[in-house]
Protein backbone atom coordinates (compact mmCIF):
# COMPACT_ATOMS: atom_id res chain seq x y z
CA MET A 1 0.00 0.00 0.00
CA ARG A 2 2.83 2.39 0.77
CA THR A 3 4.59 1.93 -2.58
CA PRO A 4 1.77 3.24 -4.83
CA ARG A 5 1.23 6.21 -2.51
CA LEU A 6 5.00 6.96 -2.53
CA LEU A 7 5.10 6.71 -6.35
CA LYS A 8 2.10 9.03 -6.63
CA LYS A 9 3.69 11.67 -4.38
CA THR A 10 7.04 11.36 -6.16
CA GLY A 11 5.36 11.66 -9.57
CA THR A 12 3.41 14.71 -8.43
CA LEU A 13 6.56 16.30 -7.07
CA LEU A 14 8.50 15.64 -10.32
CA LEU A 15 5.63 16.99 -12.44
CA SER A 16 5.40 20.15 -10.33
CA ALA A 17 9.15 20.69 -10.53
CA SER A 18 9.18 20.27 -14.32
CA LEU A 19 6.31 22.75 -14.74
CA LEU A 20 8.07 25.31 -12.57
CA GLY A 21 11.30 24.85 -14.51
CA ALA A 22 9.64 25.41 -17.90
CA THR A 23 10.07 28.89 -19.34
CA ILE A 24 7.48 30.58 -21.44
CA ALA A 25 8.71 32.95 -24.13
CA PRO A 26 6.76 36.20 -24.27
CA ALA A 27 5.05 37.10 -27.51
CA GLN A 28 6.27 40.23 -29.28
CA ALA A 29 4.09 42.37 -31.49
CA ALA A 30 4.98 45.62 -33.20
CA MET A 31 3.66 47.92 -35.86
CA VAL A 32 5.16 47.55 -39.32
CA GLY A 33 6.37 50.90 -40.52
CA THR A 34 5.65 52.33 -43.93
CA ALA A 35 9.35 52.54 -44.67
CA GLN A 36 9.73 48.79 -44.17
CA VAL A 37 6.85 48.02 -46.52
CA VAL A 38 8.12 50.46 -49.14
CA ALA A 39 11.65 49.04 -48.90
CA ALA A 40 10.36 45.50 -49.45
CA GLN A 41 8.28 46.57 -52.44
CA GLN A 42 11.14 48.62 -53.89
CA GLY A 43 13.44 45.60 -53.66
CA ALA A 44 10.95 43.51 -55.62
CA LEU A 45 10.56 46.24 -58.26
CA ASP A 46 14.33 46.68 -58.63
CA ARG A 47 14.80 42.93 -59.02
CA ALA A 48 12.03 42.76 -61.65
CA ARG A 49 13.61 45.65 -63.57
CA LEU A 50 17.01 43.97 -63.61
CA ALA A 51 15.50 40.63 -64.60
CA SER A 52 13.57 42.26 -67.45
CA MET A 53 16.82 43.72 -68.77
CA LEU A 54 18.20 40.19 -69.03
CA GLU A 55 15.32 39.38 -71.39
CA ARG A 56 16.64 41.78 -74.04
CA GLU A 57 18.05 39.97 -77.06
CA ASP A 58 21.01 42.31 -77.53
CA LEU A 59 22.06 41.81 -73.92
CA GLN A 60 21.71 38.04 -74.26
CA ARG A 61 23.90 38.12 -77.39
CA GLN A 62 26.56 40.13 -75.58
CA LEU A 63 26.50 37.77 -72.59
CA GLY A 64 26.83 34.81 -74.95
CA ALA A 65 29.78 36.48 -76.67
CA MET A 66 31.46 36.85 -73.27
CA GLY A 67 30.84 33.17 -72.49
CA VAL A 68 28.18 33.74 -69.83
CA ASP A 69 25.10 31.55 -69.84
CA VAL A 70 21.94 33.69 -69.73
CA GLN A 71 20.17 31.28 -67.38
CA HIS A 72 23.15 31.45 -65.01
CA ALA A 73 22.94 35.25 -65.11
CA ARG A 74 19.22 35.07 -64.27
CA ASP A 75 19.93 32.75 -61.36
CA ARG A 76 22.66 35.10 -60.19
CA VAL A 77 20.33 38.11 -60.29
CA ALA A 78 17.74 36.14 -58.32
CA SER A 79 20.33 35.35 -55.64
CA LEU A 80 21.47 38.97 -55.16
CA THR A 81 20.40 40.82 -52.04
CA ASP A 82 18.04 43.78 -52.29
CA ALA A 83 20.90 46.18 -51.52
CA GLU A 84 23.03 44.76 -54.34
CA VAL A 85 20.12 44.97 -56.80
CA ALA A 86 19.45 48.58 -55.75
CA ARG A 87 23.14 49.46 -56.22
CA ILE A 88 23.18 47.92 -59.71
CA ASN A 89 20.00 49.77 -60.70
CA GLN A 90 21.46 53.05 -59.42
CA GLN A 91 24.54 52.52 -61.56
CA LEU A 92 22.35 51.70 -64.56
CA GLU A 93 20.39 54.95 -64.10
CA ARG A 94 23.62 56.95 -64.23
CA LEU A 95 24.65 55.40 -67.54
CA PRO A 96 23.69 57.23 -70.73
CA ALA A 97 20.83 55.84 -72.79
CA GLY A 98 21.49 53.74 -75.87
CA SER A 99 24.14 51.16 -76.59
CA ASP A 100 26.42 52.40 -73.82
CA SER A 101 23.89 51.30 -71.20
CA VAL A 102 23.92 47.74 -72.54
CA LEU A 103 27.69 47.74 -72.46
CA GLY A 104 27.61 49.12 -68.94
CA VAL A 105 25.24 46.38 -67.80
CA LEU A 106 27.47 43.77 -69.37
CA VAL A 107 30.57 45.17 -67.74
CA LEU A 108 28.79 45.35 -64.39
CA ILE A 109 27.56 41.76 -64.63
CA PHE A 110 31.02 40.65 -65.76
CA ILE A 111 32.59 42.37 -62.75
CA ILE A 112 30.08 40.72 -60.41
CA PHE A 113 30.89 37.31 -61.88
CA VAL A 114 34.64 37.91 -61.59
CA ILE A 115 34.26 38.97 -57.94
CA THR A 116 32.13 35.93 -57.10
CA ASP A 117 34.67 33.72 -58.88
CA ALA A 118 37.50 35.27 -56.87
CA LEU A 119 35.55 34.70 -53.66
CA GLY A 120 34.98 31.07 -54.64
CA ALA A 121 31.18 31.34 -54.82
CA THR A 122 31.12 30.43 -58.52
CA ASP A 123 33.46 28.89 -61.08
CA ILE A 124 32.53 30.53 -64.38
CA PHE A 125 35.84 31.83 -65.71
CA PRO A 126 38.89 29.55 -65.78
CA PHE A 127 41.30 32.50 -65.65
CA VAL A 128 40.05 33.62 -62.20
CA HIS A 129 41.52 31.69 -59.30
CA PRO A 130 39.66 31.71 -55.95
CA ILE A 131 41.16 33.48 -52.98
CA LYS A 132 42.43 31.02 -50.38
């Protein structure tokens, strides 16, 4: 008779101790600012603008002439952060209109690929050796 009563008290004591030891994380709620929403939308618009530029035939021809696969360039643009996409779009806005802008985009994309090759993130160009 004593054993079941002792087990019951011990079980109750262990259960109480485990409930007291459990921590409950408080819930956090905050207002989302307009600037945060605008920044998220602007990032999506910048990325769409850059991706639409990769759809141009003249740009695709130039990328092919440089040995860059267009699909790889699209994947690369999709993997850029919003800050990088915004920086690229700002540089594109400063370039003059016409054929120079296409050349500027190509040079910019080429530089990005060379930098990522040097960092070891990609292996597109055989003449670029990764930094060790």
